[in-house]
Amino acid sequence: MSIHKKKVPKKPLRVDFVISVDRCMMSNHHGKEFIGFMATGPAIGVPEKVWRWIACPDMRVDEHGRPWQAPYGLRKIEAALQDAGFNAHVIDPDYVAYYVTHGAKALMIGHHDYFAFGPPSNEWWMVSGKEPINRKSFIEFISIPEIWKAKREHGLRIVAGGPAVWQWEVWKEALERWPIDTLIDGEAEKVVVKVAEKILNGEELPKKIVVPPKESPRIEEIPLIKAPSVNGLVEIMRGCPRGCKFCSVTLRPLRFIPLDRIEAEIRLNLENGTGGFLFHSEDVLLYGADVVKPREEPLIKLHRLAARYLEKYEAGFGWGHASLAAVKYAQEHGRIVSKITELVLDSDVRKILGVEVGLETGSVRLAKKIMPAKAAPYPAEKWPEVVEDAFAIMADNNIIPAATFILGLPGETEDDVYETIEVIERLRPYPSLIVPMFFVPMGMLRNLEGFKRDYIRDYHIDAMKVAADHTIYWARHIISKGYLDKPQHAPLRAALKLFLWYAEKKIRKSYEYYRELFSAPRAETKIAAIEA
């Protein structure tokens, strides 16, 4: 079953560079960013068609076949090409077949998880044995026959980039099945213009372009988006100073986006009806920080700016990511977290503030080895305490975190996993979602072996069950109280409650089965590379 249709725009444009991606990415997930994560798993408890409607409903398009909202990264590429004078537009996947067969010179795609090899997709795939929806969706998209007809008959070039571009090389069969022309690894706003020039001049393209951190675009070289991003996402900074070994973002230079540029993108989104906006960075509370110490002045200025537009448009608001150490430090040094929520939350439109956080592990031993600065400015030995204190602070301030932790980190032992379980159990009083992920080799650990199904043991299952129990318990409350409590959300709320009922029932039945299935002696993993 494919969800990618073949439509003809009412008023076709001339488009030389089609920028697009599959439906799981080209969706605003009913205006609720967290719901999009459901696309990283297989359909559970409901027909796949219903699951796709919940996770990634169709996007509204204009008469030219351009989506109302689009992934932020694609919007940046669109803006870079348009600023350089190229005929480039983000096109809804339903209209890609038309445009690639009507004069397009190139198809440019970007994705967070092309083939579901990244977290948490790979975990759901391993445990369930079923392909995640996002993988199916992208394969349907890249297999559109018209794309390959245009490549054969008219020389259409295909360029792929984004944070998951590595997956094209990990799965060797991918480039054989879908022989795209160029991979771009890294921040692409500058190099994509050079690639476009080569395409229009009929020049040969390199098979791969790597943009090293030192060549990342400066602030003035990052274009402002020209059309709305998914759920009004606005980038406030790039890079992260914490240096966690499993993360690729930490390899990029740290840059703070000036307030006037942030305001321009907030205004553009709200004026085009997104109904809200989301501050995105790897750690929102480090905006304008003294390295890893949040500073009140830049954060309050940033959120006063947000508050003006939230009040004017009665808009929704959220954060992309925040670190637990920054939450704790910011509150302990001037009640900064409370001051921010007093600015951006109210009792009607914005009852809660959602954010993603990284719990990663409850093991002090692993924390010191793999993410020694994750707890900074607190010592790594205090990491479990930092986690619980931050959750308590967020609960007191109506912030709902969606936390992730990693199973199968290099060098992990059974004791490490049970220490993580102990931390999760201590978080039970705090409204939150907690999601396990399996280790995927990225960042400084990219040359190691990833976690595999054969490595799953009963203590991993224990950790997943504790997280699932916690998440199902709190998800019921979150769905009804502040997140999906509007009348228009009634069908979606009902579907999600049905899913939670089924998931709880399924987990209870399958728990012992999986414990027995994964209780054999553990296979060896490659851990020596990080021992130093």
Protein backbone atom coordinates (compact mmCIF):
# COMPACT_ATOMS: atom_id res chain seq x y z
CA MET A 1 0.00 0.00 0.00
CA SER A 2 1.50 3.33 -1.07
CA ILE A 3 0.48 6.69 0.31
CA HIS A 4 2.28 8.61 -2.44
CA LYS A 5 -0.20 9.67 -5.07
CA LYS A 6 0.44 11.09 -8.54
CA LYS A 7 -1.26 14.44 -8.87
CA VAL A 8 -1.14 17.23 -11.42
CA PRO A 9 -0.88 20.81 -10.08
CA LYS A 10 -3.68 23.19 -11.04
CA LYS A 11 -1.12 25.80 -12.06
CA PRO A 12 2.23 24.19 -12.84
CA LEU A 13 5.41 26.17 -12.23
CA ARG A 14 8.69 25.97 -14.01
CA VAL A 15 10.88 24.15 -11.50
CA ASP A 16 14.50 23.27 -12.26
CA PHE A 17 15.26 21.96 -8.78
CA VAL A 18 12.57 19.87 -7.09
CA ILE A 19 13.18 19.59 -3.35
CA SER A 20 11.12 16.90 -1.67
CA VAL A 21 10.89 13.88 0.60
CA ASP A 22 8.39 11.18 1.52
CA ARG A 23 5.09 11.70 3.33
CA CYS A 24 6.36 10.71 6.79
CA MET A 25 8.63 13.74 6.69
CA MET A 26 6.36 16.00 4.61
CA SER A 27 3.65 16.19 7.26
CA ASN A 28 2.94 18.34 10.28
CA HIS A 29 1.63 15.37 12.29
CA HIS A 30 -1.66 17.12 13.12
CA GLY A 31 0.33 20.07 14.45
CA LYS A 32 1.87 17.91 17.19
CA GLU A 33 5.57 17.24 16.72
CA PHE A 34 5.78 14.33 19.16
CA ILE A 35 3.16 12.36 17.21
CA GLY A 36 5.54 12.20 14.27
CA PHE A 37 7.69 9.76 16.23
CA MET A 38 5.00 7.13 15.74
CA ALA A 39 6.19 6.86 12.13
CA THR A 40 9.46 5.38 13.42
CA GLY A 41 7.67 2.15 14.36
CA PRO A 42 5.45 -0.38 12.59
CA ALA A 43 1.65 -0.20 12.78
CA ILE A 44 0.55 -1.64 16.13
CA GLY A 45 -3.03 -2.44 17.05
CA VAL A 46 -4.63 -0.60 14.13
CA PRO A 47 -4.53 -1.00 10.32
CA GLU A 48 -1.45 0.51 8.71
CA LYS A 49 -3.59 3.06 6.87
CA VAL A 50 -4.92 4.36 10.18
CA TRP A 51 -1.42 4.38 11.72
CA ARG A 52 -0.14 6.48 8.84
CA TRP A 53 -3.04 8.89 9.21
CA ILE A 54 -2.20 9.30 12.91
CA ALA A 55 1.54 9.73 12.39
CA CYS A 56 1.84 11.52 9.06
CA PRO A 57 -1.36 12.86 7.51
CA ASP A 58 -1.25 14.60 4.12
CA MET A 59 -0.08 18.18 3.93
CA ARG A 60 -2.21 20.96 2.48
CA VAL A 61 -0.77 22.21 -0.83
CA ASP A 62 -1.17 25.31 -2.98
CA GLU A 63 -2.26 25.38 -6.61
CA HIS A 64 1.31 24.68 -7.71
CA GLY A 65 1.72 21.53 -5.61
CA ARG A 66 3.89 23.21 -2.99
CA PRO A 67 3.25 22.10 0.60
CA TRP A 68 1.95 24.55 3.16
CA GLN A 69 4.68 23.45 5.61
CA ALA A 70 7.89 21.53 4.93
CA PRO A 71 10.83 20.15 6.94
CA TYR A 72 13.09 22.96 8.10
CA GLY A 73 16.20 21.54 6.46
CA LEU A 74 14.49 21.42 3.06
CA ARG A 75 13.30 25.00 3.54
CA LYS A 76 16.90 26.09 4.13
CA ILE A 77 18.04 24.40 0.91
CA GLU A 78 15.14 26.00 -0.96
CA ALA A 79 16.09 29.42 0.41
CA ALA A 80 19.78 28.99 -0.43
CA LEU A 81 18.98 28.08 -4.04
CA GLN A 82 16.38 30.82 -4.47
CA ASP A 83 18.74 33.43 -3.01
CA ALA A 84 21.29 32.32 -5.60
CA GLY A 85 18.75 32.89 -8.37
CA PHE A 86 17.76 29.30 -9.10
CA ASN A 87 14.29 28.06 -9.95
CA ALA A 88 13.92 25.84 -6.87
CA HIS A 89 10.87 24.87 -4.85
CA VAL A 90 9.90 22.40 -2.18
CA ILE A 91 7.29 20.16 -3.82
CA ASP A 92 4.83 17.87 -2.06
CA PRO A 93 5.63 14.18 -2.73
CA ASP A 94 2.28 13.69 -4.47
CA TYR A 95 3.41 16.14 -7.20
CA VAL A 96 7.00 14.96 -7.63
CA ALA A 97 6.11 12.56 -10.47
CA TYR A 98 4.66 15.46 -12.44
CA TYR A 99 7.55 17.87 -11.97
CA VAL A 100 10.40 15.43 -12.62
CA THR A 101 8.79 14.58 -15.98
CA HIS A 102 8.11 18.20 -16.90
CA GLY A 103 11.51 19.83 -17.14
CA ALA A 104 13.11 19.45 -13.71
CA LYS A 105 16.88 19.23 -13.83
CA ALA A 106 17.33 17.69 -10.39
CA LEU A 107 15.55 16.11 -7.46
CA MET A 108 17.04 17.03 -4.06
CA ILE A 109 16.04 15.06 -0.98
CA GLY A 110 16.90 15.18 2.71
CA HIS A 111 15.89 12.98 5.62
CA HIS A 112 16.44 12.24 9.31
CA ASP A 113 16.21 8.47 8.88
CA TYR A 114 16.09 7.32 5.24
CA PHE A 115 16.05 3.56 5.81
CA ALA A 116 15.15 3.35 9.52
CA PHE A 117 18.70 2.54 10.62
CA GLY A 118 18.71 5.37 13.16
CA PRO A 119 17.17 5.52 16.62
CA PRO A 120 14.45 4.81 17.60
CA SER A 121 13.40 3.20 14.29
CA ASN A 122 16.04 0.47 14.43
CA GLU A 123 14.91 -0.56 17.91
CA TRP A 124 11.25 -1.03 17.00
CA TRP A 125 12.35 -2.90 13.87
CA MET A 126 14.64 -5.26 15.83
CA VAL A 127 12.17 -6.02 18.59
CA SER A 128 9.04 -6.36 16.43
CA GLY A 129 10.66 -7.86 13.35
CA LYS A 130 8.51 -5.52 11.24
CA GLU A 131 9.63 -2.68 8.98
CA PRO A 132 8.95 0.76 10.43
CA ILE A 133 6.47 2.97 8.61
CA ASN A 134 9.10 5.64 7.86
CA ARG A 135 11.25 3.11 6.00
CA LYS A 136 8.33 1.87 3.94
CA SER A 137 7.30 5.43 3.20
CA PHE A 138 10.71 6.54 1.95
CA ILE A 139 11.23 3.43 -0.17
CA GLU A 140 7.83 4.06 -1.78
CA PHE A 141 8.90 7.62 -2.51
CA ILE A 142 12.34 6.91 -3.96
CA SER A 143 10.83 4.09 -6.06
CA ILE A 144 8.38 6.38 -7.89
CA PRO A 145 8.81 5.14 -11.51
CA GLU A 146 8.70 8.63 -13.01
CA ILE A 147 11.85 9.62 -11.11
CA TRP A 148 13.86 6.90 -12.77
CA LYS A 149 12.24 7.40 -16.15
CA ALA A 150 13.26 11.05 -16.00
CA LYS A 151 16.79 10.05 -15.00
CA ARG A 152 17.12 7.59 -17.88
CA GLU A 153 15.49 9.68 -20.59
CA HIS A 154 16.19 13.29 -19.58
CA GLY A 155 19.28 13.14 -17.36
CA LEU A 156 17.54 14.06 -14.09
CA ARG A 157 20.15 14.36 -11.33
CA ILE A 158 19.36 13.11 -7.83
CA VAL A 159 21.09 14.59 -4.78
CA ALA A 160 20.63 13.31 -1.21
CA GLY A 161 21.66 14.99 2.03
CA GLY A 162 20.54 15.56 5.60
CA PRO A 163 21.59 14.05 8.93
CA ALA A 164 20.84 10.46 7.80
CA VAL A 165 22.84 10.58 4.56
CA TRP A 166 25.25 8.01 6.04
CA GLN A 167 22.54 5.37 5.67
CA TRP A 168 23.00 5.30 1.88
CA GLU A 169 26.52 3.98 2.37
CA VAL A 170 25.77 1.67 5.29
CA TRP A 171 23.20 -0.20 3.20
CA LYS A 172 25.26 -0.96 0.09
CA GLU A 173 22.24 -2.24 -1.80
CA ALA A 174 20.59 1.19 -1.62
CA LEU A 175 22.89 2.87 -4.13
CA GLU A 176 22.55 -0.12 -6.44
CA ARG A 177 18.76 -0.09 -6.35
CA TRP A 178 18.45 3.69 -6.50
CA PRO A 179 21.66 5.04 -8.14
CA ILE A 180 21.53 8.64 -7.02
CA ASP A 181 24.22 11.02 -8.27
CA THR A 182 25.58 12.78 -5.20
CA LEU A 183 25.57 12.47 -1.42
CA ILE A 184 26.13 15.64 0.63
CA ASP A 185 27.36 14.97 4.17
CA GLY A 186 27.25 18.03 6.42
CA GLU A 187 25.65 21.47 6.46
CA ALA A 188 24.74 21.98 2.82
CA GLU A 189 23.57 25.59 2.39
CA LYS A 190 26.79 26.71 0.67
CA VAL A 191 27.76 23.61 -1.31
CA VAL A 192 24.27 22.99 -2.70
CA VAL A 193 24.57 26.20 -4.73
CA LYS A 194 27.77 24.93 -6.31
CA VAL A 195 26.11 21.59 -7.03
CA ALA A 196 23.19 23.36 -8.69
CA GLU A 197 25.57 25.33 -10.91
CA LYS A 198 27.25 22.11 -12.03
CA ILE A 199 23.90 20.54 -12.82
CA LEU A 200 22.73 23.45 -14.98
CA ASN A 201 26.12 23.48 -16.77
CA GLY A 202 25.88 19.74 -17.46
CA GLU A 203 29.05 19.03 -15.48
CA GLU A 204 29.96 15.79 -13.75
CA LEU A 205 29.01 15.58 -10.09
CA PRO A 206 31.17 14.03 -7.37
CA LYS A 207 29.70 10.89 -5.83
CA LYS A 208 30.07 12.37 -2.37
CA ILE A 209 30.70 15.80 -0.89
CA VAL A 210 31.77 16.05 2.74
CA VAL A 211 31.39 19.45 4.41
CA PRO A 212 33.90 19.50 7.32
CA PRO A 213 32.99 21.46 10.45
CA LYS A 214 35.50 24.23 9.62
CA GLU A 215 33.62 24.86 6.36
CA SER A 216 30.18 25.02 7.95
CA PRO A 217 28.30 28.18 6.96
CA ARG A 218 28.69 31.26 9.11
CA ILE A 219 25.56 32.93 10.47
CA GLU A 220 25.39 35.37 7.57
CA GLU A 221 25.67 32.47 5.11
CA ILE A 222 22.64 30.65 6.54
CA PRO A 223 19.57 31.87 4.59
CA LEU A 224 16.23 32.72 6.13
CA ILE A 225 13.43 30.34 5.15
CA LYS A 226 10.93 31.74 2.66
CA ALA A 227 7.89 29.56 3.43
CA PRO A 228 6.59 27.87 6.60
CA SER A 229 8.45 25.04 8.27
CA VAL A 230 6.78 22.02 9.84
CA ASN A 231 4.95 23.21 12.96
CA GLY A 232 6.72 26.55 12.72
CA LEU A 233 10.15 25.22 13.64
CA VAL A 234 12.71 28.02 14.03
CA GLU A 235 16.39 27.34 14.57
CA ILE A 236 17.99 29.40 17.35
CA MET A 237 21.48 27.89 17.38
CA ARG A 238 23.64 25.23 15.74
CA GLY A 239 26.15 22.88 17.30
CA CYS A 240 26.64 21.69 20.87
CA PRO A 241 29.61 22.09 23.24
CA ARG A 242 29.08 18.92 25.32
CA GLY A 243 31.11 16.52 23.17
CA CYS A 244 29.13 13.30 23.75
CA LYS A 245 30.95 10.60 21.81
CA PHE A 246 27.79 9.04 20.32
CA CYS A 247 26.50 12.29 18.78
CA SER A 248 27.40 13.85 15.42
CA VAL A 249 26.04 17.32 16.26
CA THR A 250 28.85 17.94 18.71
CA LEU A 251 31.31 17.90 15.80
CA ARG A 252 29.80 21.10 14.40
CA PRO A 253 30.83 24.63 15.46
CA LEU A 254 28.57 26.44 17.93
CA ARG A 255 26.67 29.41 16.47
CA PHE A 256 23.89 31.52 18.03
CA ILE A 257 21.27 32.87 15.60
CA PRO A 258 20.64 36.62 16.20
CA LEU A 259 17.23 37.64 17.55
CA ASP A 260 16.27 39.61 14.43
CA ARG A 261 16.71 36.52 12.25
CA ILE A 262 14.79 34.36 14.72
CA GLU A 263 11.98 36.94 14.77
CA ALA A 264 11.79 37.02 10.98
CA GLU A 265 11.19 33.27 10.83
CA ILE A 266 8.69 33.33 13.71
CA ARG A 267 6.71 36.03 11.89
CA LEU A 268 6.84 34.19 8.57
CA ASN A 269 5.48 30.99 10.12
CA LEU A 270 2.69 32.62 12.11
CA GLU A 271 1.60 34.92 9.29
CA ASN A 272 1.20 31.82 7.14
CA GLY A 273 -1.01 30.08 9.65
CA THR A 274 1.19 27.52 11.39
CA GLY A 275 -0.67 28.28 14.63
CA GLY A 276 2.51 28.03 16.67
CA PHE A 277 6.27 27.76 16.55
CA LEU A 278 9.03 25.66 18.02
CA PHE A 279 12.48 26.83 19.11
CA HIS A 280 14.98 24.31 17.80
CA SER A 281 18.55 23.65 18.85
CA GLU A 282 20.45 20.81 20.45
CA ASP A 283 20.03 22.64 23.78
CA VAL A 284 17.63 25.58 23.89
CA LEU A 285 18.80 26.64 27.36
CA LEU A 286 22.35 27.11 26.09
CA TYR A 287 21.28 29.96 23.79
CA GLY A 288 23.80 32.71 24.53
CA ALA A 289 25.37 30.56 27.26
CA ASP A 290 28.75 30.72 28.91
CA VAL A 291 29.76 27.39 27.31
CA VAL A 292 27.56 24.96 29.34
CA LYS A 293 26.25 27.47 31.88
CA PRO A 294 22.90 29.03 30.88
CA ARG A 295 22.73 32.83 31.11
CA GLU A 296 19.56 34.63 32.11
CA GLU A 297 19.84 37.72 29.92
CA PRO A 298 19.91 36.08 26.45
CA LEU A 299 17.33 33.45 27.44
CA ILE A 300 14.86 36.00 28.80
CA LYS A 301 15.31 38.23 25.74
CA LEU A 302 14.69 35.22 23.50
CA HIS A 303 11.52 34.21 25.33
CA ARG A 304 10.20 37.75 25.66
CA LEU A 305 10.41 37.86 21.89
CA ALA A 306 8.51 34.58 21.75
CA ALA A 307 5.90 35.82 24.23
CA ARG A 308 5.03 38.85 22.09
CA TYR A 309 4.09 36.64 19.16
CA LEU A 310 2.44 33.98 21.32
CA GLU A 311 0.07 36.59 22.73
CA LYS A 312 -0.58 38.32 19.42
CA TYR A 313 -1.42 35.09 17.55
CA GLU A 314 -2.66 32.97 20.49
CA ALA A 315 -0.09 30.51 19.24
CA GLY A 316 1.29 27.21 20.47
CA PHE A 317 4.91 26.90 21.54
CA GLY A 318 7.55 24.30 22.30
CA TRP A 319 11.25 23.59 22.53
CA GLY A 320 13.17 21.19 20.32
CA HIS A 321 15.83 19.86 22.68
CA ALA A 322 17.25 20.79 26.09
CA SER A 323 19.87 19.17 28.27
CA LEU A 324 18.95 18.05 31.76
CA ALA A 325 22.05 19.67 33.23
CA ALA A 326 21.07 23.00 31.69
CA VAL A 327 17.55 22.69 33.16
CA LYS A 328 18.98 22.12 36.63
CA TYR A 329 21.60 24.85 36.42
CA ALA A 330 19.22 27.43 34.94
CA GLN A 331 16.68 26.92 37.72
CA GLU A 332 19.25 26.87 40.50
CA HIS A 333 20.85 30.10 39.26
CA GLY A 334 18.08 32.66 39.13
CA ARG A 335 14.93 30.54 38.60
CA ILE A 336 15.43 30.98 34.84
CA VAL A 337 13.23 28.01 33.92
CA SER A 338 10.33 29.39 35.98
CA LYS A 339 10.80 32.87 34.53
CA ILE A 340 10.66 31.43 31.00
CA THR A 341 7.50 29.40 31.59
CA GLU A 342 5.85 32.42 33.22
CA LEU A 343 6.47 34.23 29.93
CA VAL A 344 5.35 31.56 27.46
CA LEU A 345 2.69 29.44 29.21
CA ASP A 346 -0.86 30.30 30.19
CA SER A 347 -3.92 28.39 31.39
CA ASP A 348 -5.66 28.18 28.02
CA VAL A 349 -3.68 28.03 24.77
CA ARG A 350 -0.36 26.80 26.14
CA LYS A 351 -0.86 24.69 29.25
CA ILE A 352 2.32 22.69 28.79
CA LEU A 353 5.67 23.07 27.09
CA GLY A 354 7.05 19.99 25.33
CA VAL A 355 10.75 19.25 24.88
CA GLU A 356 13.04 16.36 23.99
CA VAL A 357 15.81 15.50 26.45
CA GLY A 358 18.57 12.91 26.57
CA LEU A 359 18.70 10.68 29.63
CA GLU A 360 21.07 8.34 27.72
CA THR A 361 22.13 6.16 30.68
CA GLY A 362 21.75 5.90 34.43
CA SER A 363 25.23 4.44 34.76
CA VAL A 364 27.83 6.83 36.18
CA ARG A 365 30.57 4.59 34.81
CA LEU A 366 29.27 4.86 31.24
CA ALA A 367 28.47 8.55 31.64
CA LYS A 368 32.08 9.31 32.61
CA LYS A 369 33.41 7.30 29.67
CA ILE A 370 31.08 8.28 26.81
CA MET A 371 29.53 11.62 27.79
CA PRO A 372 31.71 13.20 30.49
CA ALA A 373 30.37 16.72 29.82
CA LYS A 374 26.69 15.74 29.67
CA ALA A 375 26.24 16.66 33.33
CA ALA A 376 28.44 19.78 33.14
CA PRO A 377 28.81 22.11 34.93
CA TYR A 378 28.06 19.36 37.48
CA PRO A 379 30.49 16.41 37.78
CA ALA A 380 29.68 13.28 35.77
CA GLU A 381 29.43 11.35 39.06
CA LYS A 382 26.28 13.38 39.82
CA TRP A 383 24.53 12.45 36.55
CA PRO A 384 21.64 10.37 38.08
CA GLU A 385 21.00 13.19 40.56
CA VAL A 386 21.06 15.77 37.75
CA VAL A 387 18.49 13.72 35.81
CA GLU A 388 16.03 13.44 38.68
CA ASP A 389 16.42 17.06 39.77
CA ALA A 390 15.81 18.26 36.20
CA PHE A 391 12.66 16.12 35.87
CA ALA A 392 11.35 17.54 39.14
CA ILE A 393 12.03 21.10 37.96
CA MET A 394 10.24 20.47 34.67
CA ALA A 395 7.24 18.93 36.46
CA ASP A 396 7.00 21.99 38.71
CA ASN A 397 6.97 24.24 35.64
CA ASN A 398 4.53 22.34 33.38
CA ILE A 399 7.27 21.16 31.03
CA ILE A 400 6.69 17.68 29.61
CA PRO A 401 9.92 16.00 28.49
CA ALA A 402 10.17 13.20 25.97
CA ALA A 403 13.33 11.49 27.17
CA THR A 404 15.45 8.94 25.36
CA PHE A 405 18.02 6.51 26.72
CA ILE A 406 20.45 4.24 24.90
CA LEU A 407 20.77 0.49 25.26
CA GLY A 408 23.87 -1.29 23.96
CA LEU A 409 26.36 1.52 24.45
CA PRO A 410 29.91 0.28 23.83
CA GLY A 411 31.32 -1.26 26.99
CA GLU A 412 27.87 -1.66 28.58
CA THR A 413 27.36 -4.30 31.29
CA GLU A 414 24.27 -5.75 32.90
CA ASP A 415 24.89 -3.59 35.98
CA ASP A 416 24.90 -0.47 33.79
CA VAL A 417 21.46 -1.33 32.44
CA TYR A 418 20.03 -1.97 35.90
CA GLU A 419 21.40 1.36 37.08
CA THR A 420 19.49 2.94 34.19
CA ILE A 421 16.35 1.07 35.24
CA GLU A 422 16.74 2.41 38.80
CA VAL A 423 16.89 5.98 37.50
CA ILE A 424 13.79 5.49 35.32
CA GLU A 425 11.89 4.06 38.29
CA ARG A 426 12.75 7.17 40.31
CA LEU A 427 11.23 9.31 37.53
CA ARG A 428 7.78 7.74 37.87
CA PRO A 429 6.24 10.75 39.73
CA TYR A 430 7.11 13.17 36.93
CA PRO A 431 4.91 13.60 33.81
CA SER A 432 7.07 12.51 30.88
CA LEU A 433 7.57 10.05 28.07
CA ILE A 434 10.65 7.81 28.21
CA VAL A 435 11.74 5.99 25.08
CA PRO A 436 14.59 3.45 24.76
CA MET A 437 16.90 3.49 21.75
CA PHE A 438 19.56 1.05 20.60
CA PHE A 439 23.10 2.29 20.07
CA VAL A 440 23.78 3.47 16.51
CA PRO A 441 27.44 4.27 15.69
CA MET A 442 27.63 8.00 15.00
CA GLY A 443 29.84 10.90 16.00
CA MET A 444 33.19 9.84 17.45
CA LEU A 445 31.92 6.24 17.69
CA ARG A 446 30.93 5.95 14.04
CA ASN A 447 33.52 3.25 13.33
CA LEU A 448 32.24 0.89 16.01
CA GLU A 449 29.66 -1.83 15.64
CA GLY A 450 26.01 -0.96 16.19
CA PHE A 451 23.71 -2.79 18.58
CA LYS A 452 22.07 -5.83 16.99
CA ARG A 453 19.09 -8.03 17.72
CA ASP A 454 21.46 -10.85 18.75
CA TYR A 455 22.80 -8.66 21.57
CA ILE A 456 19.41 -8.15 23.25
CA ARG A 457 19.23 -9.81 26.67
CA ASP A 458 16.61 -10.12 29.35
CA TYR A 459 17.90 -7.03 31.19
CA HIS A 460 17.41 -4.95 28.02
CA ILE A 461 13.83 -6.21 27.94
CA ASP A 462 13.46 -5.22 31.61
CA ALA A 463 14.60 -1.69 30.73
CA MET A 464 12.23 -1.45 27.77
CA LYS A 465 9.30 -2.67 29.87
CA VAL A 466 9.97 -0.18 32.67
CA ALA A 467 10.13 2.63 30.09
CA ALA A 468 6.95 1.42 28.36
CA ASP A 469 5.03 1.20 31.64
CA HIS A 470 6.12 4.73 32.53
CA THR A 471 5.27 6.14 29.11
CA ILE A 472 1.84 4.50 28.80
CA TYR A 473 0.92 5.64 32.30
CA TRP A 474 1.79 9.27 31.62
CA ALA A 475 0.73 9.37 27.96
CA ARG A 476 -2.91 8.87 28.98
CA HIS A 477 -2.73 11.96 31.18
CA ILE A 478 -0.77 14.04 28.68
CA ILE A 479 -3.13 13.28 25.78
CA SER A 480 -6.18 14.52 27.69
CA LYS A 481 -4.66 17.32 29.74
CA GLY A 482 -3.04 19.99 27.66
CA TYR A 483 -1.72 18.23 24.55
CA LEU A 484 -4.80 16.99 22.68
CA ASP A 485 -7.63 18.52 24.68
CA LYS A 486 -9.29 20.61 21.96
CA PRO A 487 -12.59 19.46 20.37
CA GLN A 488 -10.94 19.10 16.94
CA HIS A 489 -8.50 16.60 18.44
CA ALA A 490 -11.26 14.16 19.46
CA PRO A 491 -10.72 11.59 16.63
CA LEU A 492 -6.95 11.64 17.08
CA ARG A 493 -7.29 11.42 20.86
CA ALA A 494 -9.57 8.39 20.52
CA ALA A 495 -7.17 6.66 18.11
CA LEU A 496 -4.19 7.23 20.41
CA LYS A 497 -6.08 5.98 23.46
CA LEU A 498 -6.98 2.84 21.53
CA PHE A 499 -3.34 2.37 20.64
CA LEU A 500 -2.23 2.82 24.26
CA TRP A 501 -4.78 0.26 25.44
CA TYR A 502 -3.58 -2.23 22.85
CA ALA A 503 0.11 -1.51 23.52
CA GLU A 504 -0.30 -2.06 27.26
CA LYS A 505 -2.10 -5.35 26.64
CA LYS A 506 0.49 -6.48 24.09
CA ILE A 507 3.46 -5.58 26.31
CA ARG A 508 2.02 -7.55 29.23
CA LYS A 509 1.53 -10.65 27.07
CA SER A 510 4.86 -10.50 25.28
CA TYR A 511 7.11 -9.63 28.22
CA GLU A 512 7.91 -13.18 29.33
CA TYR A 513 8.15 -14.36 25.73
CA TYR A 514 10.85 -11.82 24.97
CA ARG A 515 12.68 -12.50 28.23
CA GLU A 516 13.04 -16.15 27.23
CA LEU A 517 13.85 -15.33 23.61
CA PHE A 518 16.71 -12.97 24.50
CA SER A 519 18.22 -14.77 27.52
CA ALA A 520 21.07 -16.62 25.74
CA PRO A 521 24.73 -15.62 26.38
CA ARG A 522 25.52 -12.23 24.89
CA ALA A 523 27.58 -11.96 21.72
CA GLU A 524 30.80 -9.95 21.86
CA THR A 525 30.72 -6.31 20.80
CA LYS A 526 33.49 -4.00 19.68
CA ILE A 527 34.28 -1.95 22.77
CA ALA A 528 38.06 -1.68 22.75
CA ALA A 529 38.09 1.46 20.62
CA ILE A 530 36.65 3.60 23.41
CA GLU A 531 38.47 2.11 26.38
CA ALA A 532 41.13 4.81 26.17
